[in-house]
C-alpha atoms as a PDB file:
ATOM      1  CA  MET A   1       0.168  -0.111   0.193  1.00  0.00           C
ATOM      2  CA  ILE A   2       2.802   2.659   0.695  1.00  0.00           C
ATOM      3  CA  ALA A   3       4.864   2.158  -2.318  1.00  0.00           C
ATOM      4  CA  VAL A   4       1.246   2.392  -4.321  1.00  0.00           C
ATOM      5  CA  ASN A   5       0.987   5.820  -2.522  1.00  0.00           C
ATOM      6  CA  ASP A   6       4.562   6.530  -3.411  1.00  0.00           C
ATOM      7  CA  ASN A   7       3.867   5.846  -6.900  1.00  0.00           C
ATOM      8  CA  ASP A   8       0.697   8.146  -6.828  1.00  0.00           C
ATOM      9  CA  ASN A   9       2.721  11.020  -5.360  1.00  0.00           C
ATOM     10  CA  SER A  10       5.654  10.464  -8.488  1.00  0.00           C
ATOM     11  CA  GLN A  11       2.932  11.408 -10.425  1.00  0.00           C
ATOM     12  CA  GLU A  12       1.528  13.614  -8.689  1.00  0.00           C
ATOM     13  CA  ARG A  13       4.462  15.713  -7.914  1.00  0.00           C
ATOM     14  CA  ARG A  14       5.678  15.337 -11.886  1.00  0.00           C
ATOM     15  CA  THR A  15       2.533  16.737 -13.051  1.00  0.00           C
ATOM     16  CA  LEU A  16       2.416  19.331 -11.566  1.00  0.00           C
ATOM     17  CA  TRP A  17       5.564  20.596 -12.202  1.00  0.00           C
ATOM     18  CA  ILE A  18       5.006  19.854 -15.584  1.00  0.00           C
ATOM     19  CA  VAL A  19       1.689  22.367 -15.037  1.00  0.00           C
ATOM     20  CA  LEU A  20       3.595  24.669 -13.545  1.00  0.00           C
ATOM     21  CA  LEU A  21       7.069  25.302 -15.425  1.00  0.00           C
ATOM     22  CA  LEU A  22       4.472  25.652 -18.382  1.00  0.00           C
ATOM     23  CA  ASN A  23       2.026  27.918 -16.539  1.00  0.00           C
ATOM     24  CA  ALA A  24       4.402  30.168 -15.199  1.00  0.00           C
ATOM     25  CA  ALA A  25       5.972  30.710 -19.431  1.00  0.00           C
ATOM     26  CA  ILE A  26       2.363  31.579 -20.693  1.00  0.00           C
ATOM     27  CA  ALA A  27       1.755  33.647 -18.240  1.00  0.00           C
ATOM     28  CA  GLY A  28       5.459  35.406 -19.116  1.00  0.00           C
ATOM     29  CA  GLY A  29       3.699  35.115 -23.287  1.00  0.00           C
ATOM     30  CA  PHE A  30       0.610  36.874 -21.758  1.00  0.00           C
ATOM     31  CA  PHE A  31       2.604  39.767 -20.277  1.00  0.00           C
ATOM     32  CA  VAL A  32       4.845  40.499 -23.188  1.00  0.00           C
ATOM     33  CA  THR A  33       1.926  40.272 -25.808  1.00  0.00           C
ATOM     34  CA  GLY A  34      -0.367  42.123 -23.613  1.00  0.00           C
ATOM     35  CA  ALA A  35       1.597  45.283 -23.535  1.00  0.00           C
ATOM     36  CA  VAL A  36       2.734  45.318 -26.906  1.00  0.00           C
ATOM     37  CA  ALA A  37      -0.430  44.693 -27.839  1.00  0.00           C
ATOM     38  CA  ASP A  38      -2.421  46.882 -25.341  1.00  0.00           C
ATOM     39  CA  SER A  39      -4.409  44.623 -24.332  1.00  0.00           C
ATOM     40  CA  SER A  40      -6.643  44.038 -21.113  1.00  0.00           C
ATOM     41  CA  ALA A  41      -6.916  40.179 -21.589  1.00  0.00           C
ATOM     42  CA  LEU A  42      -3.910  39.211 -22.580  1.00  0.00           C
ATOM     43  CA  ILE A  43      -2.739  41.061 -19.197  1.00  0.00           C
ATOM     44  CA  ALA A  44      -6.170  39.621 -17.096  1.00  0.00           C
ATOM     45  CA  ASN A  45      -4.983  35.235 -18.534  1.00  0.00           C
ATOM     46  CA  GLY A  46      -0.983  36.554 -17.522  1.00  0.00           C
ATOM     47  CA  VAL A  47      -1.970  37.762 -14.254  1.00  0.00           C
ATOM     48  CA  ASP A  48      -4.046  34.508 -13.673  1.00  0.00           C
ATOM     49  CA  ASN A  49      -1.977  32.343 -14.966  1.00  0.00           C
ATOM     50  CA  LEU A  50       0.897  34.013 -13.091  1.00  0.00           C
ATOM     51  CA  SER A  51      -1.436  33.126  -9.923  1.00  0.00           C
ATOM     52  CA  ASP A  52      -2.114  29.305 -11.489  1.00  0.00           C
ATOM     53  CA  THR A  53       1.713  29.397 -11.023  1.00  0.00           C
ATOM     54  CA  ALA A  54       1.658  30.081  -6.880  1.00  0.00           C
ATOM     55  CA  VAL A  55      -1.184  27.868  -6.503  1.00  0.00           C
ATOM     56  CA  TYR A  56       0.802  24.589  -8.457  1.00  0.00           C
ATOM     57  CA  ALA A  57       3.687  24.954  -6.118  1.00  0.00           C
ATOM     58  CA  LEU A  58       1.205  25.415  -3.349  1.00  0.00           C
ATOM     59  CA  SER A  59      -0.103  22.833  -4.295  1.00  0.00           C
ATOM     60  CA  LEU A  60       3.561  20.622  -4.614  1.00  0.00           C
ATOM     61  CA  VAL A  61       4.108  21.720  -0.771  1.00  0.00           C
ATOM     62  CA  ALA A  62       0.423  19.532   0.165  1.00  0.00           C
ATOM     63  CA  LEU A  63       1.905  16.966  -1.426  1.00  0.00           C
ATOM     64  CA  THR A  64       4.421  16.183   1.168  1.00  0.00           C
ATOM     65  CA  ARG A  65       1.831  17.480   5.031  1.00  0.00           C
ATOM     66  CA  GLY A  66      -1.427  16.512   6.381  1.00  0.00           C
ATOM     67  CA  GLN A  67      -5.174  16.632   4.736  1.00  0.00           C
ATOM     68  CA  THR A  68      -5.772  20.028   6.706  1.00  0.00           C
ATOM     69  CA  TRP A  69      -2.256  21.640   5.360  1.00  0.00           C
ATOM     70  CA  LYS A  70      -3.590  20.489   2.039  1.00  0.00           C
ATOM     71  CA  THR A  71      -7.463  22.065   2.518  1.00  0.00           C
ATOM     72  CA  ARG A  72      -6.201  25.065   3.476  1.00  0.00           C
ATOM     73  CA  ALA A  73      -3.555  25.302   1.024  1.00  0.00           C
ATOM     74  CA  ALA A  74      -6.504  24.809  -1.786  1.00  0.00           C
ATOM     75  CA  MET A  75      -8.736  27.820   0.476  1.00  0.00           C
ATOM     76  CA  ALA A  76      -5.422  29.836  -0.342  1.00  0.00           C
ATOM     77  CA  SER A  77      -5.550  28.977  -3.856  1.00  0.00           C
ATOM     78  CA  GLY A  78      -9.702  29.881  -3.945  1.00  0.00           C
ATOM     79  CA  VAL A  79      -9.024  32.969  -1.942  1.00  0.00           C
ATOM     80  CA  MET A  80      -5.754  33.772  -4.458  1.00  0.00           C
ATOM     81  CA  LEU A  81      -8.386  33.540  -7.558  1.00  0.00           C
ATOM     82  CA  LEU A  82     -11.054  35.765  -6.091  1.00  0.00           C
ATOM     83  CA  LEU A  83      -8.623  38.639  -5.676  1.00  0.00           C
ATOM     84  CA  PHE A  84      -7.557  38.011  -8.844  1.00  0.00           C
ATOM     85  CA  ALA A  85     -10.503  38.661 -10.043  1.00  0.00           C
ATOM     86  CA  GLY A  86     -10.328  41.796  -8.342  1.00  0.00           C
ATOM     87  CA  GLY A  87      -7.450  43.331  -9.833  1.00  0.00           C
ATOM     88  CA  ILE A  88      -8.824  42.188 -13.526  1.00  0.00           C
ATOM     89  CA  LEU A  89     -12.239  44.060 -12.688  1.00  0.00           C
ATOM     90  CA  LEU A  90     -10.335  47.516 -12.172  1.00  0.00           C
ATOM     91  CA  ASP A  91      -7.373  47.033 -15.078  1.00  0.00           C
ATOM     92  CA  VAL A  92     -10.792  46.578 -17.077  1.00  0.00           C
ATOM     93  CA  GLY A  93     -12.527  49.769 -15.294  1.00  0.00           C
ATOM     94  CA  ARG A  94      -9.633  51.679 -16.316  1.00  0.00           C
ATOM     95  CA  ARG A  95      -9.161  51.851 -19.885  1.00  0.00           C
ATOM     96  CA  PHE A  96     -13.377  51.177 -20.327  1.00  0.00           C
ATOM     97  CA  ILE A  97     -12.493  54.944 -18.991  1.00  0.00           C
ATOM     98  CA  GLN A  98      -8.838  55.999 -20.318  1.00  0.00           C
ATOM     99  CA  GLY A  99      -9.544  53.770 -23.763  1.00  0.00           C
ATOM    100  CA  SER A 100      -7.378  51.223 -25.102  1.00  0.00           C
ATOM    101  CA  GLU A 101      -5.948  49.976 -28.911  1.00  0.00           C
ATOM    102  CA  PRO A 102      -5.581  46.686 -28.472  1.00  0.00           C
ATOM    103  CA  ILE A 103      -4.254  44.322 -31.489  1.00  0.00           C
ATOM    104  CA  GLY A 104      -6.669  41.635 -32.880  1.00  0.00           C
ATOM    105  CA  PRO A 105      -3.915  39.162 -34.390  1.00  0.00           C
ATOM    106  CA  THR A 106      -1.525  39.087 -31.804  1.00  0.00           C
ATOM    107  CA  MET A 107      -4.420  38.370 -29.065  1.00  0.00           C
ATOM    108  CA  MET A 108      -5.434  35.809 -31.483  1.00  0.00           C
ATOM    109  CA  VAL A 109      -1.644  34.197 -31.665  1.00  0.00           C
ATOM    110  CA  MET A 110      -1.362  34.219 -28.161  1.00  0.00           C
ATOM    111  CA  SER A 111      -4.340  32.839 -27.830  1.00  0.00           C
ATOM    112  CA  ALA A 112      -3.910  29.498 -29.716  1.00  0.00           C
ATOM    113  CA  ILE A 113      -0.445  29.170 -28.252  1.00  0.00           C
ATOM    114  CA  ALA A 114      -1.789  29.220 -25.035  1.00  0.00           C
ATOM    115  CA  GLY A 115      -4.915  27.213 -26.016  1.00  0.00           C
ATOM    116  CA  ALA A 116      -2.847  24.411 -26.555  1.00  0.00           C
ATOM    117  CA  VAL A 117      -0.995  24.613 -23.803  1.00  0.00           C
ATOM    118  CA  ASN A 118      -3.395  24.350 -21.102  1.00  0.00           C
ATOM    119  CA  TYR A 119      -5.289  21.980 -22.757  1.00  0.00           C
ATOM    120  CA  LEU A 120      -2.505  20.108 -22.164  1.00  0.00           C
ATOM    121  CA  CYS A 121      -1.793  20.763 -18.550  1.00  0.00           C
ATOM    122  CA  LEU A 122      -5.504  20.044 -18.376  1.00  0.00           C
ATOM    123  CA  ARG A 123      -5.206  16.694 -19.833  1.00  0.00           C
ATOM    124  CA  LEU A 124      -2.299  15.839 -17.789  1.00  0.00           C
ATOM    125  CA  LEU A 125      -4.621  16.661 -14.421  1.00  0.00           C
ATOM    126  CA  GLN A 126      -6.913  14.783 -16.100  1.00  0.00           C
ATOM    127  CA  ARG A 127      -5.093  11.520 -15.847  1.00  0.00           C
ATOM    128  CA  ILE A 128      -5.192  11.811 -11.789  1.00  0.00           C
ATOM    129  CA  LYS A 129      -6.762   8.735 -10.443  1.00  0.00           C
ATOM    130  CA  GLU A 130      -8.641   9.854  -7.278  1.00  0.00           C
ATOM    131  CA  PRO A 131      -7.057  13.758  -7.448  1.00  0.00           C
ATOM    132  CA  ASP A 132      -7.172  15.998  -3.330  1.00  0.00           C
ATOM    133  CA  VAL A 133      -8.716  19.162  -2.618  1.00  0.00           C
ATOM    134  CA  ASN A 134      -5.680  20.460  -4.008  1.00  0.00           C
ATOM    135  CA  LEU A 135      -5.704  18.956  -7.731  1.00  0.00           C
ATOM    136  CA  ARG A 136      -8.919  19.561  -8.582  1.00  0.00           C
ATOM    137  CA  ALA A 137      -8.587  23.273  -7.366  1.00  0.00           C
ATOM    138  CA  ALA A 138      -5.681  23.156  -9.588  1.00  0.00           C
ATOM    139  CA  THR A 139      -7.928  21.416 -12.449  1.00  0.00           C
ATOM    140  CA  THR A 140     -10.378  23.584 -11.963  1.00  0.00           C
ATOM    141  CA  PHE A 141      -8.113  26.634 -12.164  1.00  0.00           C
ATOM    142  CA  SER A 142      -6.663  25.124 -16.306  1.00  0.00           C
ATOM    143  CA  PHE A 143     -10.070  24.357 -16.629  1.00  0.00           C
ATOM    144  CA  ASN A 144     -10.799  27.653 -16.076  1.00  0.00           C
ATOM    145  CA  ASP A 145      -7.664  29.922 -18.550  1.00  0.00           C
ATOM    146  CA  PHE A 146      -9.198  26.967 -21.183  1.00  0.00           C
ATOM    147  CA  ILE A 147     -11.866  28.848 -21.262  1.00  0.00           C
ATOM    148  CA  SER A 148     -10.768  32.505 -21.278  1.00  0.00           C
ATOM    149  CA  ASN A 149      -8.071  31.496 -24.118  1.00  0.00           C
ATOM    150  CA  GLY A 150     -10.962  30.403 -26.529  1.00  0.00           C
ATOM    151  CA  GLY A 151     -12.763  33.725 -24.958  1.00  0.00           C
ATOM    152  CA  ILE A 152      -9.369  36.298 -26.392  1.00  0.00           C
ATOM    153  CA  LEU A 153      -9.349  33.747 -30.101  1.00  0.00           C
ATOM    154  CA  ILE A 154     -12.888  35.832 -30.438  1.00  0.00           C
ATOM    155  CA  ALA A 155     -11.465  38.335 -28.855  1.00  0.00           C
ATOM    156  CA  GLY A 156      -8.890  39.689 -31.361  1.00  0.00           C
ATOM    157  CA  VAL A 157     -11.114  38.813 -34.193  1.00  0.00           C
ATOM    158  CA  LEU A 158     -13.155  40.895 -33.841  1.00  0.00           C
ATOM    159  CA  VAL A 159     -11.595  42.978 -32.843  1.00  0.00           C
ATOM    160  CA  PHE A 160      -9.586  42.822 -36.146  1.00  0.00           C
ATOM    161  CA  TRP A 161     -12.415  42.695 -37.471  1.00  0.00           C
ATOM    162  CA  LEU A 162     -14.337  45.863 -36.084  1.00  0.00           C
ATOM    163  CA  GLY A 163     -11.350  48.272 -34.884  1.00  0.00           C
ATOM    164  CA  THR A 164     -12.355  48.548 -31.558  1.00  0.00           C
ATOM    165  CA  ASN A 165     -12.104  47.307 -27.979  1.00  0.00           C
ATOM    166  CA  TRP A 166     -14.326  46.776 -26.382  1.00  0.00           C
ATOM    167  CA  PRO A 167     -13.950  42.527 -27.502  1.00  0.00           C
ATOM    168  CA  ASP A 168     -11.245  43.028 -25.708  1.00  0.00           C
ATOM    169  CA  LEU A 169     -12.872  44.692 -22.319  1.00  0.00           C
ATOM    170  CA  LEU A 170     -15.789  41.869 -22.509  1.00  0.00           C
ATOM    171  CA  VAL A 171     -13.367  38.715 -22.310  1.00  0.00           C
ATOM    172  CA  GLY A 172     -11.408  40.895 -19.617  1.00  0.00           C
ATOM    173  CA  PHE A 173     -14.537  41.036 -17.696  1.00  0.00           C
ATOM    174  CA  ALA A 174     -15.770  37.965 -18.086  1.00  0.00           C
ATOM    175  CA  THR A 175     -12.223  36.039 -17.299  1.00  0.00           C
ATOM    176  CA  ALA A 176     -12.996  38.639 -13.938  1.00  0.00           C
ATOM    177  CA  LEU A 177     -16.662  35.891 -13.383  1.00  0.00           C
ATOM    178  CA  ILE A 178     -14.910  33.204 -14.044  1.00  0.00           C
ATOM    179  CA  ALA A 179     -12.699  33.637 -12.265  1.00  0.00           C
ATOM    180  CA  ILE A 180     -15.269  34.441  -9.238  1.00  0.00           C
ATOM    181  CA  LYS A 181     -17.245  31.174  -9.972  1.00  0.00           C
ATOM    182  CA  GLY A 182     -13.977  29.189 -10.411  1.00  0.00           C
ATOM    183  CA  GLY A 183     -12.767  30.972  -6.515  1.00  0.00           C
ATOM    184  CA  PHE A 184     -16.176  29.988  -4.846  1.00  0.00           C
ATOM    185  CA  GLU A 185     -16.191  26.756  -6.318  1.00  0.00           C
ATOM    186  CA  ILE A 186     -12.577  25.706  -5.041  1.00  0.00           C
ATOM    187  CA  LEU A 187     -13.851  27.067  -1.897  1.00  0.00           C
ATOM    188  CA  ARG A 188     -16.411  25.924  -1.373  1.00  0.00           C
ATOM    189  CA  ASP A 189     -14.976  22.109  -2.797  1.00  0.00           C
ATOM    190  CA  ALA A 190     -12.743  23.069   0.634  1.00  0.00           C
ATOM    191  CA  ARG A 191     -15.136  23.204   3.191  1.00  0.00           C
ATOM    192  CA  THR A 192     -16.533  19.468   2.143  1.00  0.00           C
ATOM    193  CA  GLU A 193     -13.407  17.962   2.031  1.00  0.00           C
ATOM    194  CA  PRO A 194     -13.396  15.418   4.941  1.00  0.00           C
ATOM    195  CA  ASP A 195     -11.241  15.430   7.752  1.00  0.00           C
ATOM    196  CA  THR A 196      -9.094  12.753   7.572  1.00  0.00           C
ATOM    197  CA  THR A 197      -6.762  13.737  10.847  1.00  0.00           C
ATOM    198  CA  LYS A 198      -9.889  12.752  13.595  1.00  0.00           C
ATOM    199  CA  GLY A 199      -8.916  10.896  15.627  1.00  0.00           C
ATOM    200  CA  GLY A 200      -5.259  10.686  14.350  1.00  0.00           C
ATOM    201  CA  ARG A 201      -2.466  13.259  13.868  1.00  0.00           C
ATOM    202  CA  HIS A 202      -2.649  16.641  12.476  1.00  0.00           C
ATOM    203  CA  GLU A 203      -0.438  18.125  10.469  1.00  0.00           C
END
């Protein structure tokens, strides 16, 4: 049984390292292209992927800790996602008031690359058998990212076609709403996670 658990932890650790490094790389790509393309949607997803990277790091640490610590780490992930959503809403509001000139083709190319990477991350996480609360939170993050990438692609087409910034702002706003939904789902999942430490050692 111990050998099986060690194998499971090894698979989870390897998967989390892969998605962590991929998300860090994609976050950098989003920030660079977001600045060049003056795109709220790209920067929003850059912040999202950066927060994902931090969450995956928490999940890696949680693999060596007890259930109580894992639940707290998942709750921290949910709160982080909600804070990220608030920051995106502020950025969208600023660009709505001050104006922006997003570049559609840049948005489309970056969203296509990120979509492929996030789909790979999602598939890797879904292969893990009996994921704990942290891994379920990580899967929620990757699913949210994949959906957001599709929105950026559509927004890029509309920005290029219509020559206006509202599709970019709309996707930034929608990304924040998706993050809020995901954050509350993670917090709800963490609260309902069985406390397996009762009657045993707390960590």
